[in-house]
Protein backbone atom coordinates (compact mmCIF):
# COMPACT_ATOMS: atom_id res chain seq x y z
CA ASN A 1 102.43 79.06 121.84
CA ALA A 2 100.13 81.42 119.96
CA GLY A 3 99.87 83.96 122.80
CA THR A 4 102.38 86.67 123.72
CA GLU A 5 103.86 88.31 126.79
CA ALA A 6 105.15 91.28 124.78
CA ASP A 7 103.64 94.76 125.08
CA VAL A 8 100.94 95.17 122.41
CA HIS A 9 100.06 98.52 120.82
CA ILE A 10 97.33 99.59 118.39
CA SER A 11 96.57 102.65 116.25
CA VAL A 12 93.01 103.08 114.97
CA TYR A 13 92.37 105.10 111.79
CA GLY A 14 89.10 106.73 110.77
CA GLU A 15 87.81 109.38 108.40
CA ARG A 16 88.48 112.09 111.04
CA GLY A 17 92.00 111.08 112.07
CA ASP A 18 93.65 108.45 114.21
CA THR A 19 94.26 107.56 117.84
CA GLY A 20 98.03 107.43 117.64
CA SER A 21 99.79 104.42 119.11
CA ARG A 22 98.04 103.13 122.23
CA HIS A 23 99.35 100.39 124.49
CA LEU A 24 96.77 97.74 125.34
CA LEU A 25 97.44 97.48 129.06
CA ARG A 26 94.30 96.52 130.97
CA SER A 27 92.28 93.63 129.61
CA GLN A 28 89.12 92.40 131.32
CA LYS A 29 91.06 89.11 131.74
CA SER A 30 93.71 88.68 134.43
CA LYS A 31 96.30 87.43 131.86
CA LYS A 32 96.12 88.99 128.44
CA PHE A 33 96.89 87.68 124.94
CA LEU A 34 96.64 83.96 125.73
CA LYS A 35 96.00 81.37 123.01
CA GLY A 36 92.29 81.01 122.23
CA GLN A 37 91.33 83.90 124.49
CA THR A 38 89.33 87.01 123.62
CA ASP A 39 90.66 90.11 125.36
CA ILE A 40 88.57 93.26 125.75
CA PHE A 41 90.12 96.71 126.18
CA ALA A 42 88.65 100.18 126.59
CA VAL A 43 90.46 102.78 124.49
CA GLU A 44 89.49 106.42 124.99
CA ALA A 45 89.65 108.59 121.89
CA VAL A 46 87.77 111.31 120.06
CA HIS A 47 85.16 110.00 117.64
CA LEU A 48 87.00 109.07 114.45
CA GLY A 49 83.96 108.63 112.20
CA CYS A 50 83.97 105.55 109.98
CA LEU A 51 87.00 103.38 110.69
CA TYR A 52 89.06 102.03 107.81
CA LYS A 53 92.19 100.41 109.29
CA VAL A 54 94.17 99.52 112.40
CA VAL A 55 97.89 99.05 112.85
CA ILE A 56 98.61 96.53 115.60
CA GLY A 57 101.87 95.09 116.81
CA HIS A 58 104.11 94.41 119.77
CA ASN A 59 107.58 95.34 120.98
CA GLY A 60 109.07 91.85 120.45
CA LEU A 61 110.35 91.68 124.02
CA GLY A 62 109.89 88.95 126.61
CA SER A 63 109.86 85.20 126.41
CA GLY A 64 107.33 83.77 124.01
CA ASN A 65 106.77 87.09 122.25
CA GLY A 66 105.46 85.62 118.97
CA TRP A 67 101.69 86.08 118.65
CA PHE A 68 99.04 84.64 116.35
CA LEU A 69 96.26 87.23 115.95
CA ASP A 70 92.92 86.10 114.55
CA LYS A 71 91.08 89.42 114.36
CA VAL A 72 90.38 92.77 115.97
CA VAL A 73 86.79 93.94 116.51
CA ILE A 74 86.13 97.55 117.51
CA LYS A 75 82.71 98.54 118.82
CA ASP A 76 81.89 102.22 118.24
CA PRO A 77 79.84 103.27 121.29
CA ILE A 78 78.36 106.28 119.48
CA THR A 79 77.06 104.54 116.34
CA ASP A 80 76.81 101.05 117.92
CA LEU A 81 78.62 99.67 114.83
CA ASP A 82 81.16 96.86 114.98
CA TYR A 83 84.24 97.16 112.77
CA THR A 84 86.09 93.91 112.07
CA PHE A 85 89.74 93.76 111.02
CA LEU A 86 90.77 90.23 110.01
CA CYS A 87 94.37 89.16 110.49
CA HIS A 88 94.73 85.40 110.96
CA ARG A 89 98.54 85.71 110.84
CA TRP A 90 101.59 85.61 113.08
CA LEU A 91 103.20 88.71 114.52
CA ASP A 92 106.52 87.03 115.14
CA GLN A 93 110.08 87.59 113.99
CA GLY A 94 110.52 83.83 113.52
CA GLN A 95 107.20 82.99 111.80
CA ASP A 96 105.32 83.97 108.64
CA ASP A 97 107.09 87.00 107.09
CA GLY A 98 108.90 87.99 110.31
CA SER A 99 106.80 91.11 110.93
CA ILE A 100 105.69 92.02 114.47
CA THR A 101 103.35 94.77 113.23
CA ARG A 102 100.38 94.39 110.87
CA GLU A 103 98.24 96.94 109.04
CA LEU A 104 94.69 95.56 108.86
CA PRO A 105 92.00 97.11 106.62
CA VAL A 106 88.41 97.01 107.77
CA THR A 107 86.49 93.99 106.53
CA ASP A 108 83.78 94.96 104.05
CA ALA A 109 80.51 95.13 106.02
CA SER A 110 78.66 93.43 103.15
CA MET A 111 80.78 90.32 103.80
CA LEU A 112 80.02 90.12 107.51
CA PRO A 113 76.54 88.51 107.53
CA GLY A 114 77.72 85.67 105.27
CA ARG A 115 80.98 85.35 107.17
CA GLN A 116 79.16 85.27 110.53
CA GLU A 117 76.86 82.57 109.19
CA LEU A 118 79.89 80.58 108.01
CA GLU A 119 81.60 80.98 111.40
CA LEU A 120 78.44 79.78 113.17
CA LYS A 121 78.26 76.71 110.91
CA LYS A 122 81.93 76.03 111.54
CA GLU A 123 81.40 76.20 115.32
CA LYS A 124 78.36 73.89 115.18
CA THR A 125 80.20 71.39 112.97
CA TRP A 126 83.23 71.39 115.26
CA ALA A 127 81.00 70.85 118.32
CA ALA A 128 79.46 67.81 116.62
CA GLU A 129 82.72 66.38 115.26
CA ARG A 130 85.18 67.21 118.06
CA TRP A 131 84.95 63.72 119.58
CA LYS A 132 86.84 62.32 116.59
CA PHE A 133 89.96 64.24 117.55
CA GLN A 134 90.18 63.32 121.23
CA LYS A 135 93.22 61.50 122.54
CA GLY A 136 93.30 57.80 121.73
CA ILE A 137 90.78 57.84 118.86
CA THR A 138 91.67 56.04 115.62
CA LEU A 139 89.92 57.49 112.58
CA GLN A 140 89.08 55.25 109.64
CA PHE A 141 87.85 56.44 106.27
CA TYR A 142 86.73 54.26 103.41
CA ASN A 143 88.51 55.04 100.16
CA ARG A 144 86.22 54.33 97.20
CA VAL A 145 89.15 54.29 94.78
CA THR A 146 91.18 51.59 96.59
CA ARG A 147 88.09 50.06 98.21
CA GLY A 148 90.00 49.91 101.49
CA PHE A 149 90.15 51.78 104.79
CA ILE A 150 92.59 54.60 105.49
CA CYS A 151 93.45 54.71 109.20
CA LEU A 152 94.71 57.74 111.13
CA TYR A 153 96.19 56.49 114.42
CA PRO A 154 96.53 58.46 117.69
CA ASP A 155 100.35 58.27 117.49
CA SER A 156 100.22 60.20 114.14
CA ARG A 157 100.78 57.13 111.95
CA VAL A 158 98.72 56.85 108.78
CA ASP A 159 97.86 53.54 107.11
CA ALA A 160 97.07 54.72 103.60
CA LEU A 161 97.33 51.32 101.96
CA GLY A 162 93.83 50.56 103.11
CA ASP A 163 93.03 47.26 104.79
CA LYS A 164 90.17 45.84 102.70
CA LYS A 165 89.04 43.47 105.46
CA ASN A 166 88.87 45.86 108.40
CA LYS A 167 85.94 44.50 110.38
CA TYR A 168 85.72 47.66 112.51
CA GLY A 169 85.54 50.05 109.59
CA LYS A 170 82.55 52.30 109.04
CA VAL A 171 81.67 53.70 105.63
CA PHE A 172 81.30 57.51 105.59
CA SER A 173 80.72 59.92 102.78
CA MET A 174 83.06 62.88 103.02
CA TRP A 175 83.28 66.00 100.89
CA MET A 176 86.16 68.45 100.95
CA TYR A 177 85.74 72.03 99.78
CA ALA A 178 88.56 74.47 99.16
């Protein structure tokens, strides 16, 4: 339920002005704003120079109007530059802060190469580890403190007491970074 059926609008701001509010009507996809989908729109406007923010939102109408927006990327056809505006928040009257419009500043270009590298690593790691999260899989982790296994069952139960004699347990090393 992260997609929306509401009408989405965007305003793009640059050093030479802004586009005004534009409705995003025609995506290259047959159904727009679906969960996990990337939609591509052509927006005609005068050249705005370097972009510094977008304001994006929706009208809040229709069933399932709440929307989780990851990011907006604008490709400038004149300079061939990509401008990224990170959101990673809900535009939903019943989620987050209740706002259906967000003002997103441009992401610092100096951050992008490192961020793109991190995203690539995240995608590769997920591709390698995705099997662990398929339906019916029980995950077991060895807890060095209790010297027992912690089991995460498919029905969402967690055995955190740690069976010390679990003959099916595998010992992994796991690191968590925040």
